[in-house]
Amino acid sequence: MLPALPEACVLIADRGYDSDRLREALAERGVKSCIPGRANRKEPIVYDTELYKRRNLIERLFGRLKDWRPHRHAI
């Protein structure tokens, strides 16, 4: 998955992508991760909460795009 990612300085993702392996792979590429830790982590993850809040804008954009796509009707 990582080789297919475009060049970026930050990756913003939800808790589902919280893994040490992903964080290490991103760091090796020079990409900062903005991924909150899962609730069961023993040591909390420090991340930019203000940047993470902006992720919601992208989620809403995709939601609106999905609302405007043509629907196929059953025949």
N, C-alpha and C. Protein backbone atom coordinates (compact mmCIF):
# COMPACT_ATOMS: atom_id res chain seq x y z
N MET A 1 0.82 -1.18 0.00
CA MET A 1 0.00 0.00 0.00
C MET A 1 0.87 1.26 0.00
N LEU A 2 1.91 1.28 0.77
CA LEU A 2 2.73 2.49 0.89
C LEU A 2 3.39 2.93 -0.41
N PRO A 3 3.92 2.02 -1.21
CA PRO A 3 4.53 2.49 -2.47
C PRO A 3 3.54 3.20 -3.39
N ALA A 4 2.26 2.91 -3.26
CA ALA A 4 1.25 3.53 -4.12
C ALA A 4 0.84 4.92 -3.63
N LEU A 5 1.20 5.28 -2.42
CA LEU A 5 0.82 6.59 -1.90
C LEU A 5 1.60 7.70 -2.59
N PRO A 6 0.92 8.80 -2.88
CA PRO A 6 1.65 9.93 -3.45
C PRO A 6 2.54 10.56 -2.38
N GLU A 7 3.51 11.36 -2.82
CA GLU A 7 4.38 12.04 -1.87
C GLU A 7 3.54 12.98 -1.01
N ALA A 8 3.81 12.94 0.28
CA ALA A 8 3.08 13.79 1.23
C ALA A 8 3.96 14.03 2.43
N CYS A 9 3.63 15.06 3.19
CA CYS A 9 4.39 15.31 4.41
C CYS A 9 3.65 14.79 5.64
N VAL A 10 2.31 14.59 5.52
CA VAL A 10 1.51 14.10 6.64
C VAL A 10 0.46 13.14 6.11
N LEU A 11 0.21 12.06 6.87
CA LEU A 11 -0.89 11.15 6.57
C LEU A 11 -1.87 11.23 7.73
N ILE A 12 -3.09 11.61 7.43
CA ILE A 12 -4.15 11.69 8.44
C ILE A 12 -5.05 10.49 8.24
N ALA A 13 -5.24 9.70 9.30
CA ALA A 13 -6.07 8.49 9.20
C ALA A 13 -6.80 8.27 10.52
N ASP A 14 -7.82 7.43 10.47
CA ASP A 14 -8.56 7.15 11.70
C ASP A 14 -7.90 6.03 12.49
N ARG A 15 -8.49 5.70 13.64
CA ARG A 15 -7.91 4.71 14.55
C ARG A 15 -7.72 3.34 13.93
N GLY A 16 -8.46 3.03 12.91
CA GLY A 16 -8.34 1.74 12.26
C GLY A 16 -6.96 1.50 11.66
N TYR A 17 -6.21 2.57 11.41
CA TYR A 17 -4.88 2.46 10.84
C TYR A 17 -3.78 2.57 11.90
N ASP A 18 -4.14 2.50 13.15
CA ASP A 18 -3.17 2.60 14.23
C ASP A 18 -2.37 1.31 14.35
N SER A 19 -1.12 1.35 13.89
CA SER A 19 -0.21 0.23 14.07
C SER A 19 1.21 0.77 14.09
N ASP A 20 2.04 0.14 14.89
CA ASP A 20 3.43 0.57 14.98
C ASP A 20 4.15 0.37 13.64
N ARG A 21 3.83 -0.73 12.95
CA ARG A 21 4.48 -1.00 11.65
C ARG A 21 4.19 0.10 10.64
N LEU A 22 2.94 0.55 10.59
CA LEU A 22 2.58 1.62 9.66
C LEU A 22 3.29 2.90 10.03
N ARG A 23 3.30 3.23 11.31
CA ARG A 23 3.98 4.46 11.77
C ARG A 23 5.47 4.42 11.42
N GLU A 24 6.10 3.27 11.62
CA GLU A 24 7.52 3.13 11.30
C GLU A 24 7.77 3.27 9.80
N ALA A 25 6.92 2.65 8.99
CA ALA A 25 7.07 2.73 7.53
C ALA A 25 6.89 4.17 7.05
N LEU A 26 5.95 4.89 7.63
CA LEU A 26 5.75 6.28 7.26
C LEU A 26 6.96 7.12 7.65
N ALA A 27 7.48 6.88 8.84
CA ALA A 27 8.65 7.63 9.31
C ALA A 27 9.85 7.39 8.40
N GLU A 28 10.01 6.15 7.92
CA GLU A 28 11.11 5.85 7.01
C GLU A 28 11.00 6.64 5.71
N ARG A 29 9.77 6.94 5.31
CA ARG A 29 9.55 7.72 4.08
C ARG A 29 9.56 9.22 4.35
N GLY A 30 9.71 9.61 5.62
CA GLY A 30 9.71 11.02 5.98
C GLY A 30 8.32 11.61 6.07
N VAL A 31 7.32 10.76 6.28
CA VAL A 31 5.93 11.20 6.37
C VAL A 31 5.50 11.18 7.84
N LYS A 32 4.98 12.30 8.30
CA LYS A 32 4.48 12.39 9.67
C LYS A 32 3.10 11.73 9.73
N SER A 33 2.83 10.98 10.79
CA SER A 33 1.52 10.34 10.91
C SER A 33 0.65 11.12 11.89
N CYS A 34 -0.58 11.32 11.51
CA CYS A 34 -1.58 11.95 12.38
C CYS A 34 -2.70 10.93 12.54
N ILE A 35 -2.44 9.93 13.39
CA ILE A 35 -3.36 8.83 13.59
C ILE A 35 -3.56 8.65 15.09
N PRO A 36 -4.77 8.82 15.60
CA PRO A 36 -4.97 8.61 17.03
C PRO A 36 -4.78 7.14 17.38
N GLY A 37 -4.34 6.89 18.60
CA GLY A 37 -4.14 5.52 19.05
C GLY A 37 -5.46 4.86 19.43
N ARG A 38 -5.48 3.55 19.33
CA ARG A 38 -6.67 2.81 19.75
C ARG A 38 -6.80 2.88 21.27
N ALA A 39 -7.98 2.63 21.76
CA ALA A 39 -8.26 2.74 23.19
C ALA A 39 -7.47 1.72 24.01
N ASN A 40 -7.11 0.59 23.41
CA ASN A 40 -6.43 -0.45 24.18
C ASN A 40 -4.91 -0.31 24.19
N ARG A 41 -4.36 0.78 23.66
CA ARG A 41 -2.91 0.99 23.68
C ARG A 41 -2.44 1.23 25.10
N LYS A 42 -1.32 0.63 25.47
CA LYS A 42 -0.79 0.81 26.82
C LYS A 42 -0.19 2.20 26.98
N GLU A 43 0.50 2.68 25.95
CA GLU A 43 1.04 4.04 25.97
C GLU A 43 0.29 4.88 24.96
N PRO A 44 -0.28 6.01 25.40
CA PRO A 44 -1.05 6.83 24.46
C PRO A 44 -0.17 7.40 23.35
N ILE A 45 -0.77 7.57 22.20
CA ILE A 45 -0.09 8.14 21.03
C ILE A 45 -0.31 9.65 21.02
N VAL A 46 0.75 10.38 20.79
CA VAL A 46 0.65 11.84 20.66
C VAL A 46 0.46 12.16 19.19
N TYR A 47 -0.57 12.94 18.88
CA TYR A 47 -0.86 13.35 17.50
C TYR A 47 -1.45 14.75 17.52
N ASP A 48 -1.46 15.40 16.40
CA ASP A 48 -1.96 16.77 16.26
C ASP A 48 -3.49 16.74 16.21
N THR A 49 -4.14 17.05 17.31
CA THR A 49 -5.61 16.96 17.36
C THR A 49 -6.28 17.97 16.45
N GLU A 50 -5.70 19.16 16.30
CA GLU A 50 -6.30 20.16 15.41
C GLU A 50 -6.24 19.72 13.95
N LEU A 51 -5.12 19.14 13.56
CA LEU A 51 -5.00 18.62 12.20
C LEU A 51 -5.96 17.46 11.98
N TYR A 52 -6.11 16.61 12.97
CA TYR A 52 -7.01 15.46 12.85
C TYR A 52 -8.46 15.91 12.67
N LYS A 53 -8.83 17.02 13.29
CA LYS A 53 -10.20 17.54 13.15
C LYS A 53 -10.49 17.92 11.70
N ARG A 54 -9.47 18.33 10.96
CA ARG A 54 -9.66 18.71 9.55
C ARG A 54 -10.02 17.50 8.68
N ARG A 55 -9.69 16.31 9.16
CA ARG A 55 -10.02 15.09 8.43
C ARG A 55 -11.52 15.02 8.16
N ASN A 56 -12.30 15.57 9.08
CA ASN A 56 -13.75 15.57 8.93
C ASN A 56 -14.19 16.29 7.66
N LEU A 57 -13.49 17.33 7.26
CA LEU A 57 -13.84 18.05 6.03
C LEU A 57 -13.76 17.12 4.83
N ILE A 58 -12.73 16.31 4.79
CA ILE A 58 -12.56 15.37 3.67
C ILE A 58 -13.66 14.31 3.71
N GLU A 59 -13.97 13.81 4.90
CA GLU A 59 -15.03 12.80 5.03
C GLU A 59 -16.36 13.35 4.53
N ARG A 60 -16.66 14.59 4.88
CA ARG A 60 -17.92 15.20 4.43
C ARG A 60 -17.93 15.41 2.92
N LEU A 61 -16.78 15.78 2.34
CA LEU A 61 -16.67 15.95 0.90
C LEU A 61 -17.01 14.64 0.19
N PHE A 62 -16.41 13.53 0.63
CA PHE A 62 -16.71 12.25 0.01
C PHE A 62 -18.17 11.86 0.20
N GLY A 63 -18.74 12.19 1.35
CA GLY A 63 -20.16 11.91 1.57
C GLY A 63 -21.04 12.66 0.59
N ARG A 64 -20.71 13.92 0.33
CA ARG A 64 -21.49 14.71 -0.63
C ARG A 64 -21.31 14.20 -2.06
N LEU A 65 -20.09 13.81 -2.40
CA LEU A 65 -19.87 13.25 -3.73
C LEU A 65 -20.70 11.98 -3.92
N LYS A 66 -20.78 11.17 -2.90
CA LYS A 66 -21.58 9.95 -2.99
C LYS A 66 -23.06 10.26 -3.13
N ASP A 67 -23.52 11.34 -2.50
CA ASP A 67 -24.92 11.75 -2.62
C ASP A 67 -25.27 12.14 -4.04
N TRP A 68 -24.32 12.68 -4.78
CA TRP A 68 -24.59 13.20 -6.12
C TRP A 68 -24.27 12.21 -7.24
N ARG A 69 -23.77 11.03 -6.91
CA ARG A 69 -23.49 10.06 -7.98
C ARG A 69 -24.81 9.48 -8.49
N PRO A 70 -24.86 9.11 -9.74
CA PRO A 70 -26.09 8.54 -10.30
C PRO A 70 -26.38 7.17 -9.68
N HIS A 71 -27.65 6.94 -9.44
CA HIS A 71 -28.07 5.66 -8.86
C HIS A 71 -28.61 4.76 -9.95
N ARG A 72 -28.32 3.50 -9.84
CA ARG A 72 -28.87 2.53 -10.78
C ARG A 72 -30.17 2.01 -10.20
N HIS A 73 -31.18 1.97 -11.02
CA HIS A 73 -32.48 1.50 -10.56
C HIS A 73 -32.67 0.05 -11.01
N ALA A 74 -33.25 -0.74 -10.15
CA ALA A 74 -33.51 -2.14 -10.51
C ALA A 74 -34.61 -2.19 -11.58
N ILE A 75 -34.42 -3.05 -12.53
CA ILE A 75 -35.40 -3.18 -13.62
C ILE A 75 -36.29 -4.37 -13.36
